[in-house]
């Protein structure tokens, strides 16, 4: 069996706000859906990003009776490579995004990275490779 990751689907609580965030703030092109719907797909490169209303997925798989949120550590992170983390962070700040963790050299990871969140509290990461000495 040959498995290939084709898309990442975020199960979001505020669909319209998340749609606008990924379209307007990050600039991903919608391939399907609008902010007035319950499902959307964005072109992001080799892997597509999908948004889906969390409660509809819970209904579909029979877990609608479980809590929607819990006090826990993150269980997903969307990581995006950029040419310049600092410039990307400045661009996001200009669009009103709060940066959770400022650009930092992570020498043990071999990258410079910054972190922020979407309107459904999904953790996102921007990174660029550190120059080799």
Protein backbone atom coordinates (compact mmCIF):
# COMPACT_ATOMS: atom_id res chain seq x y z
CA UNK A 1 0.00 0.00 0.00
CA UNK A 2 1.32 3.43 -0.97
CA UNK A 3 -0.09 6.21 1.27
CA UNK A 4 0.17 9.83 0.11
CA UNK A 5 -0.99 12.78 2.18
CA UNK A 6 -3.43 14.69 -0.01
CA UNK A 7 -4.92 17.28 2.35
CA UNK A 8 -5.15 18.47 5.92
CA UNK A 9 -8.67 19.17 7.21
CA UNK A 10 -9.12 21.57 10.11
CA UNK A 11 -12.31 21.05 12.09
CA UNK A 12 -13.11 24.62 13.04
CA UNK A 13 -15.59 26.25 15.37
CA UNK A 14 -15.89 29.65 13.62
CA UNK A 15 -16.00 28.69 9.95
CA UNK A 16 -16.48 32.18 8.43
CA UNK A 17 -13.63 33.71 10.47
CA UNK A 18 -11.30 30.83 9.63
CA UNK A 19 -12.20 31.01 5.94
CA UNK A 20 -11.36 34.71 5.87
CA UNK A 21 -8.14 34.12 7.86
CA UNK A 22 -6.75 31.52 5.44
CA UNK A 23 -7.95 33.46 2.36
CA UNK A 24 -7.27 37.06 3.37
CA UNK A 25 -4.48 36.86 5.94
CA UNK A 26 -2.43 33.93 4.60
CA UNK A 27 -3.48 34.45 0.99
CA UNK A 28 -4.48 30.86 0.18
CA UNK A 29 -6.67 30.63 -2.93
CA UNK A 30 -10.06 28.97 -2.36
CA UNK A 31 -10.48 25.99 -4.70
CA UNK A 32 -13.95 25.22 -3.36
CA UNK A 33 -16.43 26.84 -1.00
CA UNK A 34 -17.17 30.26 0.44
CA UNK A 35 -17.23 31.70 3.94
CA UNK A 36 -21.01 31.15 4.01
CA UNK A 37 -20.72 27.38 3.68
CA UNK A 38 -19.56 24.58 6.00
CA UNK A 39 -16.70 23.18 3.89
CA UNK A 40 -13.90 24.78 1.90
CA UNK A 41 -10.69 23.70 0.20
CA UNK A 42 -7.67 25.93 -0.38
CA UNK A 43 -4.76 25.54 -2.78
CA UNK A 44 -1.60 25.79 -0.67
CA UNK A 45 1.02 24.01 -2.75
CA UNK A 46 1.42 20.24 -2.87
CA UNK A 47 -1.03 19.55 -0.01
CA UNK A 48 -4.49 21.09 0.13
CA UNK A 49 -5.94 22.70 3.25
CA UNK A 50 -9.61 22.02 4.02
CA UNK A 51 -11.90 23.63 6.58
CA UNK A 52 -14.98 21.87 7.91
CA UNK A 53 -17.41 22.82 10.69
CA UNK A 54 -16.38 20.82 13.74
CA UNK A 55 -19.91 19.96 14.87
CA UNK A 56 -20.80 18.52 11.44
CA UNK A 57 -17.80 16.18 11.55
CA UNK A 58 -18.72 15.19 15.10
CA UNK A 59 -22.25 14.36 13.91
CA UNK A 60 -20.88 12.39 10.95
CA UNK A 61 -18.73 10.11 13.12
CA UNK A 62 -21.10 9.84 16.08
CA UNK A 63 -19.29 11.90 18.74
CA UNK A 64 -21.52 14.97 18.90
CA UNK A 65 -22.20 14.28 22.60
CA UNK A 66 -18.52 14.77 23.55
CA UNK A 67 -17.16 18.14 24.79
CA UNK A 68 -16.08 20.57 22.04
CA UNK A 69 -13.06 21.84 23.92
CA UNK A 70 -10.71 20.70 26.64
CA UNK A 71 -7.90 22.29 28.59
CA UNK A 72 -5.04 20.50 26.89
CA UNK A 73 -1.89 21.02 24.91
CA UNK A 74 -2.13 21.43 21.14
CA UNK A 75 -2.69 18.27 19.10
CA UNK A 76 -2.05 19.74 15.63
CA UNK A 77 0.28 22.30 14.09
CA UNK A 78 0.27 23.63 10.54
CA UNK A 79 3.83 24.35 9.47
CA UNK A 80 4.63 26.62 6.52
CA UNK A 81 8.06 27.28 5.07
CA UNK A 82 8.79 30.89 4.11
CA UNK A 83 11.83 32.68 2.71
CA UNK A 84 12.02 35.17 5.59
CA UNK A 85 10.27 34.50 8.91
CA UNK A 86 10.77 38.02 10.23
CA UNK A 87 9.29 39.65 7.12
CA UNK A 88 6.36 37.19 7.16
CA UNK A 89 5.70 37.98 10.84
CA UNK A 90 5.74 41.73 10.10
CA UNK A 91 3.22 41.12 7.30
CA UNK A 92 0.95 39.11 9.62
CA UNK A 93 1.13 41.74 12.36
CA UNK A 94 0.11 44.39 9.82
CA UNK A 95 -2.98 42.26 9.14
CA UNK A 96 -3.84 42.17 12.85
CA UNK A 97 -2.49 38.72 13.71
CA UNK A 98 -1.15 38.23 17.23
CA UNK A 99 2.15 36.37 17.23
CA UNK A 100 2.27 33.78 20.02
CA UNK A 101 6.01 33.21 19.86
CA UNK A 102 8.30 35.71 18.13
CA UNK A 103 10.83 34.65 15.48
CA UNK A 104 13.54 32.64 17.21
CA UNK A 105 16.56 30.71 15.97
CA UNK A 106 15.98 27.08 16.90
CA UNK A 107 19.50 25.81 16.29
CA UNK A 108 18.57 22.34 17.55
CA UNK A 109 15.86 22.23 14.84
CA UNK A 110 18.05 23.93 12.22
CA UNK A 111 15.43 26.63 11.61
CA UNK A 112 14.24 30.09 12.54
CA UNK A 113 10.58 29.81 13.53
CA UNK A 114 7.62 31.84 14.78
CA UNK A 115 4.19 30.73 15.97
CA UNK A 116 0.65 32.16 15.87
CA UNK A 117 -2.98 30.97 15.91
CA UNK A 118 -5.98 31.05 13.60
CA UNK A 119 -9.47 32.14 14.78
CA UNK A 120 -10.24 28.55 15.92
CA UNK A 121 -7.02 28.51 17.99
CA UNK A 122 -5.11 26.18 15.65
CA UNK A 123 -1.36 26.53 16.16
CA UNK A 124 0.55 27.64 13.06
CA UNK A 125 4.28 27.84 12.48
CA UNK A 126 6.38 29.79 10.00
CA UNK A 127 9.93 28.59 9.45
CA UNK A 128 13.02 29.08 7.35
CA UNK A 129 16.22 27.06 7.34
CA UNK A 130 19.13 28.54 9.26
CA UNK A 131 22.20 29.32 7.18
CA UNK A 132 24.89 26.70 7.62
CA UNK A 133 28.23 27.90 8.88
